[in-house]
Amino acid sequence: AIYNFGNLKIYGGTFSGNQAARGGAVYNYRTVKIYEGKFIGNNATTYGGAICQPGSQYARIYLGSENAEKGNKIIFENNTAAQNGGALYTQTQSSLIAYGETTFRSNNAVADNGGAVAAYGVVNFNNTIFDKNTAEQKEKLNALLPMAMDEYKLTMEEVFLNEMEEKKYDITKIFE
């Protein structure tokens, strides 16, 4: 749907049923700020069912806003990538920062890692829910926790809902 090589701002709306080789809804090479919106049922034949961000020192994805007045509810649901990052994929040197109420639900990485997010750059999550995301590489921890990250910062308690058990996990305990 969108190839971004500049500064993109999304203030709401729904991206649904889009398909591309990389980034079913958005291929981001520079900066994208998503203040509110839904990414539902998008598909990538390689990386990032909803959003793909290649390795670039200038590439940034911001989900939500530090200022809640601009909106913070972002949903990634039922997105699929044939390889990594069912909903989101970022390569090295890029950043993904989630400020508020972001939900990753029922996304799937068919062949590899990161049912919700495969992030190989710097990642910061704040108040994020990961619910029923799946990845083929189940023997790897990053698939069970639905993401692959080289560097990460968890600024508040993250909530992971496990398909097998109806429990909420405190992410600080998972990474100890």
N, C-alpha and C. Protein backbone atom coordinates (compact mmCIF):
# COMPACT_ATOMS: atom_id res chain seq x y z
N ALA A 1 0.82 -1.19 0.00
CA ALA A 1 0.00 0.00 0.00
C ALA A 1 0.87 1.27 0.00
N ILE A 2 1.93 1.29 0.88
CA ILE A 2 2.77 2.50 0.98
C ILE A 2 4.25 2.12 0.96
N TYR A 3 5.00 2.83 0.11
CA TYR A 3 6.47 2.75 0.12
C TYR A 3 6.95 4.09 0.62
N ASN A 4 7.57 4.13 1.79
CA ASN A 4 7.97 5.39 2.40
C ASN A 4 9.48 5.57 2.37
N PHE A 5 9.91 6.67 1.75
CA PHE A 5 11.33 7.01 1.72
C PHE A 5 11.52 8.40 2.32
N GLY A 6 10.56 8.85 3.12
CA GLY A 6 10.63 10.17 3.73
C GLY A 6 10.16 10.09 5.16
N ASN A 7 9.30 11.01 5.55
CA ASN A 7 8.72 11.05 6.89
C ASN A 7 7.22 10.88 6.76
N LEU A 8 6.72 9.72 7.19
CA LEU A 8 5.31 9.38 7.06
C LEU A 8 4.65 9.43 8.43
N LYS A 9 3.47 10.05 8.50
CA LYS A 9 2.68 10.08 9.73
C LYS A 9 1.31 9.51 9.43
N ILE A 10 0.88 8.56 10.27
CA ILE A 10 -0.43 7.94 10.12
C ILE A 10 -1.23 8.25 11.37
N TYR A 11 -2.38 8.92 11.19
CA TYR A 11 -3.20 9.35 12.31
C TYR A 11 -4.46 8.52 12.49
N GLY A 12 -4.50 7.34 11.96
CA GLY A 12 -5.67 6.48 12.12
C GLY A 12 -5.97 5.77 10.82
N GLY A 13 -7.06 5.03 10.83
CA GLY A 13 -7.46 4.29 9.64
C GLY A 13 -7.12 2.82 9.78
N THR A 14 -7.49 2.08 8.74
CA THR A 14 -7.27 0.64 8.74
C THR A 14 -6.55 0.23 7.46
N PHE A 15 -5.49 -0.55 7.62
CA PHE A 15 -4.77 -1.16 6.51
C PHE A 15 -5.16 -2.64 6.55
N SER A 16 -5.90 -3.09 5.56
CA SER A 16 -6.43 -4.44 5.61
C SER A 16 -6.31 -5.12 4.25
N GLY A 17 -5.84 -6.39 4.26
CA GLY A 17 -5.80 -7.19 3.06
C GLY A 17 -4.76 -6.77 2.03
N ASN A 18 -3.75 -6.05 2.44
CA ASN A 18 -2.68 -5.64 1.52
C ASN A 18 -1.64 -6.74 1.41
N GLN A 19 -0.94 -6.77 0.27
CA GLN A 19 0.09 -7.78 0.07
C GLN A 19 1.26 -7.20 -0.70
N ALA A 20 2.47 -7.60 -0.28
CA ALA A 20 3.70 -7.19 -0.96
C ALA A 20 4.79 -8.22 -0.65
N ALA A 21 5.90 -8.14 -1.36
CA ALA A 21 7.02 -9.02 -1.05
C ALA A 21 7.56 -8.73 0.33
N ARG A 22 7.72 -7.44 0.67
CA ARG A 22 8.17 -7.01 1.99
C ARG A 22 7.25 -5.91 2.49
N GLY A 23 6.77 -6.08 3.72
CA GLY A 23 5.86 -5.07 4.28
C GLY A 23 4.54 -5.05 3.55
N GLY A 24 3.63 -5.92 3.94
CA GLY A 24 2.33 -6.02 3.26
C GLY A 24 1.60 -4.70 3.14
N ALA A 25 1.64 -3.86 4.19
CA ALA A 25 0.96 -2.57 4.16
C ALA A 25 1.93 -1.41 4.00
N VAL A 26 3.09 -1.47 4.68
CA VAL A 26 4.04 -0.35 4.63
C VAL A 26 5.47 -0.89 4.51
N TYR A 27 6.19 -0.35 3.53
CA TYR A 27 7.63 -0.58 3.43
C TYR A 27 8.28 0.74 3.80
N ASN A 28 8.99 0.76 4.92
CA ASN A 28 9.51 2.00 5.47
C ASN A 28 11.03 2.06 5.40
N TYR A 29 11.55 3.05 4.69
CA TYR A 29 12.99 3.19 4.60
C TYR A 29 13.52 4.35 5.45
N ARG A 30 12.65 5.21 5.91
CA ARG A 30 13.08 6.35 6.73
C ARG A 30 12.32 6.35 8.06
N THR A 31 11.38 7.28 8.24
CA THR A 31 10.66 7.41 9.51
C THR A 31 9.16 7.29 9.28
N VAL A 32 8.54 6.42 10.07
CA VAL A 32 7.08 6.35 10.08
C VAL A 32 6.63 6.48 11.53
N LYS A 33 5.65 7.38 11.73
CA LYS A 33 5.05 7.58 13.05
C LYS A 33 3.57 7.23 12.93
N ILE A 34 3.18 6.21 13.69
CA ILE A 34 1.79 5.76 13.66
C ILE A 34 1.16 6.12 14.99
N TYR A 35 0.24 7.08 14.96
CA TYR A 35 -0.37 7.55 16.20
C TYR A 35 -1.58 6.73 16.59
N GLU A 36 -2.25 6.16 15.62
CA GLU A 36 -3.40 5.32 15.89
C GLU A 36 -3.73 4.59 14.59
N GLY A 37 -4.25 3.37 14.69
CA GLY A 37 -4.63 2.66 13.48
C GLY A 37 -4.66 1.16 13.68
N LYS A 38 -5.17 0.50 12.64
CA LYS A 38 -5.28 -0.96 12.65
C LYS A 38 -4.62 -1.52 11.41
N PHE A 39 -3.86 -2.61 11.61
CA PHE A 39 -3.23 -3.35 10.53
C PHE A 39 -3.75 -4.77 10.63
N ILE A 40 -4.69 -5.12 9.76
CA ILE A 40 -5.41 -6.38 9.89
C ILE A 40 -5.33 -7.18 8.59
N GLY A 41 -4.87 -8.43 8.71
CA GLY A 41 -4.89 -9.35 7.58
C GLY A 41 -4.00 -8.98 6.41
N ASN A 42 -2.86 -8.35 6.68
CA ASN A 42 -1.91 -8.02 5.61
C ASN A 42 -0.92 -9.18 5.47
N ASN A 43 -0.25 -9.26 4.29
CA ASN A 43 0.59 -10.40 4.01
C ASN A 43 1.85 -9.98 3.26
N ALA A 44 2.98 -10.54 3.70
CA ALA A 44 4.25 -10.34 2.98
C ALA A 44 4.79 -11.70 2.57
N THR A 45 5.25 -11.80 1.34
CA THR A 45 5.79 -13.08 0.87
C THR A 45 7.19 -13.34 1.41
N THR A 46 7.79 -12.36 2.10
CA THR A 46 9.07 -12.58 2.79
C THR A 46 8.98 -12.04 4.22
N TYR A 47 9.27 -10.75 4.43
CA TYR A 47 9.41 -10.17 5.77
C TYR A 47 8.34 -9.12 6.08
N GLY A 48 7.88 -9.12 7.34
CA GLY A 48 6.99 -8.07 7.82
C GLY A 48 5.60 -8.10 7.22
N GLY A 49 4.72 -8.89 7.79
CA GLY A 49 3.36 -9.01 7.28
C GLY A 49 2.66 -7.68 7.11
N ALA A 50 2.82 -6.78 8.08
CA ALA A 50 2.21 -5.44 7.99
C ALA A 50 3.25 -4.38 7.62
N ILE A 51 4.40 -4.40 8.32
CA ILE A 51 5.43 -3.37 8.09
C ILE A 51 6.81 -4.01 8.01
N CYS A 52 7.58 -3.59 7.00
CA CYS A 52 8.97 -4.02 6.87
C CYS A 52 9.85 -2.79 6.83
N GLN A 53 10.93 -2.87 7.59
CA GLN A 53 11.89 -1.76 7.65
C GLN A 53 13.29 -2.32 7.41
N PRO A 54 13.91 -1.97 6.28
CA PRO A 54 15.25 -2.49 5.99
C PRO A 54 16.30 -1.84 6.87
N GLY A 55 17.49 -2.40 6.86
CA GLY A 55 18.58 -1.87 7.66
C GLY A 55 19.05 -0.52 7.15
N SER A 56 18.87 0.49 7.95
CA SER A 56 19.31 1.84 7.62
C SER A 56 19.47 2.59 8.92
N GLN A 57 20.53 3.34 9.05
CA GLN A 57 20.72 4.12 10.28
C GLN A 57 19.65 5.18 10.45
N TYR A 58 18.91 5.48 9.39
CA TYR A 58 17.87 6.50 9.44
C TYR A 58 16.47 5.92 9.63
N ALA A 59 16.33 4.61 9.59
CA ALA A 59 15.01 3.98 9.65
C ALA A 59 14.50 3.91 11.09
N ARG A 60 13.29 4.43 11.28
CA ARG A 60 12.66 4.45 12.60
C ARG A 60 11.17 4.18 12.46
N ILE A 61 10.64 3.39 13.38
CA ILE A 61 9.19 3.21 13.49
C ILE A 61 8.79 3.63 14.89
N TYR A 62 7.85 4.55 14.99
CA TYR A 62 7.30 4.99 16.27
C TYR A 62 5.84 4.59 16.31
N LEU A 63 5.46 3.78 17.31
CA LEU A 63 4.08 3.36 17.49
C LEU A 63 3.51 4.11 18.67
N GLY A 64 2.49 4.91 18.44
CA GLY A 64 1.91 5.71 19.50
C GLY A 64 2.69 6.99 19.69
N SER A 65 2.32 7.72 20.72
CA SER A 65 2.92 9.01 20.99
C SER A 65 3.25 9.13 22.46
N GLU A 66 4.30 9.84 22.77
CA GLU A 66 4.59 10.11 24.18
C GLU A 66 3.48 10.96 24.78
N ASN A 67 2.80 11.73 23.93
CA ASN A 67 1.69 12.58 24.34
C ASN A 67 0.39 11.85 24.02
N ALA A 68 -0.28 11.33 25.03
CA ALA A 68 -1.48 10.51 24.84
C ALA A 68 -2.62 11.25 24.14
N GLU A 69 -2.58 12.57 24.09
CA GLU A 69 -3.64 13.33 23.42
C GLU A 69 -3.71 13.03 21.93
N LYS A 70 -2.61 12.57 21.34
CA LYS A 70 -2.59 12.29 19.91
C LYS A 70 -3.08 10.88 19.60
N GLY A 71 -3.40 10.10 20.60
CA GLY A 71 -3.86 8.74 20.37
C GLY A 71 -2.75 7.73 20.52
N ASN A 72 -3.08 6.56 20.96
CA ASN A 72 -2.06 5.56 21.20
C ASN A 72 -2.53 4.14 20.90
N LYS A 73 -3.72 3.94 20.42
CA LYS A 73 -4.23 2.59 20.22
C LYS A 73 -3.89 2.10 18.82
N ILE A 74 -2.99 1.12 18.78
CA ILE A 74 -2.56 0.55 17.52
C ILE A 74 -2.70 -0.96 17.62
N ILE A 75 -3.32 -1.56 16.61
CA ILE A 75 -3.58 -2.99 16.62
C ILE A 75 -2.98 -3.63 15.38
N PHE A 76 -2.21 -4.70 15.60
CA PHE A 76 -1.70 -5.55 14.53
C PHE A 76 -2.34 -6.92 14.73
N GLU A 77 -3.19 -7.33 13.79
CA GLU A 77 -3.94 -8.57 13.99
C GLU A 77 -4.04 -9.37 12.68
N ASN A 78 -3.79 -10.68 12.80
CA ASN A 78 -3.92 -11.62 11.68
C ASN A 78 -3.05 -11.26 10.48
N ASN A 79 -1.88 -10.70 10.72
CA ASN A 79 -0.93 -10.43 9.65
C ASN A 79 0.00 -11.64 9.51
N THR A 80 0.52 -11.86 8.31
CA THR A 80 1.35 -13.03 8.05
C THR A 80 2.55 -12.67 7.20
N ALA A 81 3.70 -13.19 7.60
CA ALA A 81 4.92 -13.09 6.79
C ALA A 81 5.38 -14.52 6.49
N ALA A 82 5.78 -14.75 5.26
CA ALA A 82 6.23 -16.09 4.89
C ALA A 82 7.52 -16.46 5.61
N GLN A 83 8.31 -15.46 6.01
CA GLN A 83 9.56 -15.75 6.72
C GLN A 83 9.53 -15.14 8.13
N ASN A 84 10.14 -13.99 8.35
CA ASN A 84 10.25 -13.39 9.69
C ASN A 84 9.30 -12.22 9.89
N GLY A 85 8.86 -12.07 11.15
CA GLY A 85 8.07 -10.90 11.53
C GLY A 85 6.65 -10.94 11.02
N GLY A 86 5.80 -11.70 11.69
CA GLY A 86 4.40 -11.81 11.26
C GLY A 86 3.72 -10.46 11.09
N ALA A 87 3.96 -9.54 12.01
CA ALA A 87 3.40 -8.19 11.89
C ALA A 87 4.46 -7.18 11.50
N LEU A 88 5.61 -7.20 12.20
CA LEU A 88 6.67 -6.21 11.96
C LEU A 88 8.03 -6.86 11.82
N TYR A 89 8.82 -6.30 10.90
CA TYR A 89 10.19 -6.77 10.71
C TYR A 89 11.11 -5.56 10.59
N THR A 90 12.16 -5.53 11.40
CA THR A 90 13.16 -4.47 11.27
C THR A 90 14.54 -5.11 11.20
N GLN A 91 15.40 -4.56 10.35
CA GLN A 91 16.75 -5.06 10.22
C GLN A 91 17.71 -4.25 11.08
N THR A 92 18.98 -4.63 11.05
CA THR A 92 19.99 -3.96 11.87
C THR A 92 20.07 -2.47 11.55
N GLN A 93 20.50 -1.72 12.52
CA GLN A 93 20.67 -0.26 12.48
C GLN A 93 19.34 0.49 12.54
N SER A 94 18.22 -0.19 12.52
CA SER A 94 16.94 0.50 12.57
C SER A 94 16.37 0.41 13.98
N SER A 95 15.33 1.23 14.24
CA SER A 95 14.73 1.27 15.57
C SER A 95 13.22 1.10 15.50
N LEU A 96 12.69 0.47 16.54
CA LEU A 96 11.25 0.33 16.73
C LEU A 96 10.95 0.78 18.15
N ILE A 97 10.10 1.80 18.28
CA ILE A 97 9.75 2.31 19.60
C ILE A 97 8.23 2.32 19.73
N ALA A 98 7.72 1.57 20.71
CA ALA A 98 6.28 1.52 20.97
C ALA A 98 6.00 2.25 22.27
N TYR A 99 5.32 3.40 22.17
CA TYR A 99 5.04 4.22 23.35
C TYR A 99 3.81 3.77 24.12
N GLY A 100 2.76 3.41 23.45
CA GLY A 100 1.54 3.11 24.21
C GLY A 100 0.66 2.12 23.53
N GLU A 101 -0.34 1.67 24.22
CA GLU A 101 -1.33 0.68 23.86
C GLU A 101 -1.21 0.06 22.47
N THR A 102 -0.18 -0.72 22.27
CA THR A 102 0.00 -1.45 21.02
C THR A 102 -0.29 -2.92 21.29
N THR A 103 -1.13 -3.51 20.45
CA THR A 103 -1.50 -4.91 20.61
C THR A 103 -1.09 -5.69 19.37
N PHE A 104 -0.39 -6.80 19.59
CA PHE A 104 -0.03 -7.74 18.53
C PHE A 104 -0.81 -9.02 18.81
N ARG A 105 -1.80 -9.32 17.96
CA ARG A 105 -2.67 -10.46 18.22
C ARG A 105 -2.78 -11.35 16.98
N SER A 106 -2.54 -12.64 17.17
CA SER A 106 -2.75 -13.67 16.14
C SER A 106 -2.01 -13.40 14.84
N ASN A 107 -0.78 -12.91 14.95
CA ASN A 107 0.08 -12.73 13.79
C ASN A 107 0.94 -13.98 13.63
N ASN A 108 1.47 -14.22 12.41
CA ASN A 108 2.17 -15.48 12.17
C ASN A 108 3.37 -15.28 11.25
N ALA A 109 4.52 -15.83 11.69
CA ALA A 109 5.70 -15.94 10.83
C ALA A 109 5.74 -17.40 10.39
N VAL A 110 5.45 -17.65 9.12
CA VAL A 110 5.23 -19.01 8.64
C VAL A 110 6.49 -19.88 8.72
N ALA A 111 7.63 -19.41 8.22
CA ALA A 111 8.80 -20.27 8.13
C ALA A 111 9.87 -20.02 9.20
N ASP A 112 9.87 -18.84 9.82
CA ASP A 112 10.99 -18.53 10.69
C ASP A 112 10.56 -17.95 12.04
N ASN A 113 11.12 -16.78 12.39
CA ASN A 113 11.01 -16.23 13.74
C ASN A 113 10.11 -15.01 13.85
N GLY A 114 9.72 -14.73 15.08
CA GLY A 114 8.99 -13.51 15.38
C GLY A 114 7.56 -13.53 14.90
N GLY A 115 6.73 -14.29 15.57
CA GLY A 115 5.32 -14.34 15.20
C GLY A 115 4.69 -12.96 15.17
N ALA A 116 5.05 -12.11 16.11
CA ALA A 116 4.58 -10.72 16.13
C ALA A 116 5.64 -9.80 15.55
N VAL A 117 6.86 -9.85 16.13
CA VAL A 117 7.92 -8.92 15.75
C VAL A 117 9.25 -9.65 15.61
N ALA A 118 9.92 -9.44 14.51
CA ALA A 118 11.31 -9.86 14.35
C ALA A 118 12.10 -8.57 14.20
N ALA A 119 12.82 -8.20 15.24
CA ALA A 119 13.53 -6.92 15.24
C ALA A 119 14.99 -7.18 15.52
N TYR A 120 15.82 -6.86 14.56
CA TYR A 120 17.25 -7.09 14.69
C TYR A 120 18.00 -5.80 14.94
N GLY A 121 17.30 -4.76 15.30
CA GLY A 121 17.91 -3.48 15.65
C GLY A 121 17.58 -3.17 17.10
N VAL A 122 17.38 -1.91 17.40
CA VAL A 122 17.07 -1.46 18.76
C VAL A 122 15.55 -1.40 18.91
N VAL A 123 15.05 -1.96 20.01
CA VAL A 123 13.61 -2.03 20.24
C VAL A 123 13.27 -1.54 21.64
N ASN A 124 12.28 -0.68 21.75
CA ASN A 124 11.74 -0.24 23.04
C ASN A 124 10.24 -0.49 23.04
N PHE A 125 9.75 -1.27 24.02
CA PHE A 125 8.31 -1.50 24.14
C PHE A 125 7.81 -0.90 25.44
N ASN A 126 6.64 -0.30 25.39
CA ASN A 126 6.01 0.28 26.57
C ASN A 126 4.52 -0.03 26.49
N ASN A 127 3.97 -0.75 27.46
CA ASN A 127 2.54 -1.04 27.52
C ASN A 127 2.06 -1.76 26.26
N THR A 128 2.71 -2.86 25.93
CA THR A 128 2.43 -3.61 24.71
C THR A 128 1.89 -4.98 25.05
N ILE A 129 0.87 -5.42 24.32
CA ILE A 129 0.29 -6.75 24.54
C ILE A 129 0.64 -7.64 23.36
N PHE A 130 1.13 -8.85 23.64
CA PHE A 130 1.41 -9.87 22.64
C PHE A 130 0.48 -11.03 22.95
N ASP A 131 -0.44 -11.34 22.04
CA ASP A 131 -1.47 -12.34 22.30
C ASP A 131 -1.60 -13.32 21.14
N LYS A 132 -1.33 -14.60 21.37
CA LYS A 132 -1.53 -15.68 20.41
C LYS A 132 -0.80 -15.49 19.09
N ASN A 133 0.41 -14.96 19.12
CA ASN A 133 1.25 -14.87 17.93
C ASN A 133 2.03 -16.17 17.79
N THR A 134 2.28 -16.59 16.55
CA THR A 134 2.96 -17.87 16.34
C THR A 134 4.11 -17.73 15.34
N ALA A 135 5.09 -18.61 15.50
CA ALA A 135 6.23 -18.67 14.59
C ALA A 135 6.62 -20.13 14.43
N GLU A 136 7.08 -20.48 13.25
CA GLU A 136 7.45 -21.87 12.97
C GLU A 136 8.61 -22.35 13.82
N GLN A 137 9.60 -21.50 14.08
CA GLN A 137 10.79 -21.89 14.83
C GLN A 137 10.47 -21.99 16.32
N LYS A 138 9.61 -22.90 16.69
CA LYS A 138 9.14 -23.01 18.07
C LYS A 138 10.22 -23.40 19.05
N GLU A 139 11.30 -24.03 18.60
CA GLU A 139 12.35 -24.41 19.54
C GLU A 139 13.18 -23.23 19.99
N LYS A 140 13.04 -22.09 19.34
CA LYS A 140 13.82 -20.91 19.71
C LYS A 140 13.01 -20.02 20.64
N LEU A 141 13.67 -19.48 21.65
CA LEU A 141 13.00 -18.64 22.63
C LEU A 141 12.33 -17.44 21.99
N ASN A 142 12.96 -16.83 20.99
CA ASN A 142 12.37 -15.64 20.41
C ASN A 142 11.05 -15.93 19.70
N ALA A 143 10.85 -17.14 19.24
CA ALA A 143 9.56 -17.49 18.64
C ALA A 143 8.50 -17.69 19.71
N LEU A 144 8.89 -18.27 20.84
CA LEU A 144 7.93 -18.47 21.92
C LEU A 144 7.50 -17.15 22.54
N LEU A 145 8.41 -16.20 22.58
CA LEU A 145 8.08 -14.90 23.14
C LEU A 145 7.57 -13.90 22.11
N PRO A 146 7.32 -14.26 20.97
CA PRO A 146 7.02 -13.78 19.65
C PRO A 146 7.92 -12.71 19.08
N MET A 147 9.22 -12.70 19.40
CA MET A 147 10.07 -11.70 18.76
C MET A 147 11.52 -12.14 18.78
N ALA A 148 12.30 -11.55 17.92
CA ALA A 148 13.74 -11.76 17.89
C ALA A 148 14.37 -10.38 17.98
N MET A 149 15.21 -10.16 18.97
CA MET A 149 15.78 -8.83 19.14
C MET A 149 17.26 -8.91 19.48
N ASP A 150 18.05 -8.03 18.93
CA ASP A 150 19.45 -7.93 19.31
C ASP A 150 19.60 -7.07 20.56
N GLU A 151 18.96 -5.92 20.57
CA GLU A 151 18.97 -5.04 21.74
C GLU A 151 17.53 -4.70 22.07
N TYR A 152 17.22 -4.66 23.34
CA TYR A 152 15.86 -4.31 23.69
C TYR A 152 15.83 -3.55 25.01
N LYS A 153 14.80 -2.76 25.16
CA LYS A 153 14.57 -2.05 26.42
C LYS A 153 13.09 -2.17 26.72
N LEU A 154 12.79 -2.68 27.90
CA LEU A 154 11.41 -2.82 28.32
C LEU A 154 11.17 -1.82 29.43
N THR A 155 10.38 -0.80 29.14
CA THR A 155 10.24 0.30 30.07
C THR A 155 9.10 0.14 31.06
N MET A 156 8.16 -0.73 30.77
CA MET A 156 7.08 -1.03 31.70
C MET A 156 6.80 -2.52 31.61
N GLU A 157 5.95 -3.02 32.46
CA GLU A 157 5.61 -4.43 32.39
C GLU A 157 4.95 -4.72 31.06
N GLU A 158 5.46 -5.73 30.39
CA GLU A 158 4.88 -6.16 29.12
C GLU A 158 3.99 -7.36 29.42
N VAL A 159 2.95 -7.53 28.64
CA VAL A 159 2.03 -8.64 28.86
C VAL A 159 2.09 -9.59 27.67
N PHE A 160 2.39 -10.85 27.95
CA PHE A 160 2.38 -11.88 26.93
C PHE A 160 1.29 -12.87 27.31
N LEU A 161 0.42 -13.18 26.40
CA LEU A 161 -0.60 -14.19 26.65
C LEU A 161 -0.21 -15.44 25.90
N ASN A 162 -0.02 -16.50 26.63
CA ASN A 162 0.44 -17.76 26.06
C ASN A 162 -0.77 -18.56 25.58
N GLU A 163 -0.71 -19.10 24.36
CA GLU A 163 -1.81 -19.90 23.84
C GLU A 163 -2.11 -21.12 24.69
N MET A 164 -1.07 -21.74 25.23
CA MET A 164 -1.25 -22.97 25.98
C MET A 164 -1.86 -22.76 27.36
N GLU A 165 -1.51 -21.67 27.99
CA GLU A 165 -1.98 -21.42 29.33
C GLU A 165 -2.63 -20.05 29.39
N GLU A 166 -3.68 -19.93 30.12
CA GLU A 166 -4.37 -18.66 30.26
C GLU A 166 -3.72 -17.83 31.38
N LYS A 167 -2.46 -17.47 31.20
CA LYS A 167 -1.73 -16.71 32.20
C LYS A 167 -1.17 -15.45 31.59
N LYS A 168 -0.93 -14.47 32.43
CA LYS A 168 -0.20 -13.28 32.02
C LYS A 168 1.19 -13.39 32.61
N TYR A 169 2.21 -13.06 31.82
CA TYR A 169 3.59 -13.17 32.26
C TYR A 169 4.20 -11.81 32.44
N ASP A 170 4.92 -11.64 33.52
CA ASP A 170 5.68 -10.41 33.74
C ASP A 170 6.98 -10.56 32.97
N ILE A 171 7.18 -9.72 31.98
CA ILE A 171 8.33 -9.86 31.08
C ILE A 171 9.66 -9.76 31.83
N THR A 172 9.69 -9.03 32.93
CA THR A 172 10.94 -8.91 33.66
C THR A 172 11.38 -10.26 34.21
N LYS A 173 10.45 -11.15 34.50
CA LYS A 173 10.77 -12.48 34.99
C LYS A 173 11.22 -13.38 33.85
N ILE A 174 10.69 -13.18 32.66
CA ILE A 174 11.04 -14.01 31.51
C ILE A 174 12.50 -13.82 31.14
N PHE A 175 13.01 -12.58 31.18
CA PHE A 175 14.36 -12.30 30.74
C PHE A 175 15.41 -12.40 31.84
N GLU A 176 15.03 -12.78 33.05
CA GLU A 176 16.01 -12.91 34.13
C GLU A 176 16.89 -14.12 33.92
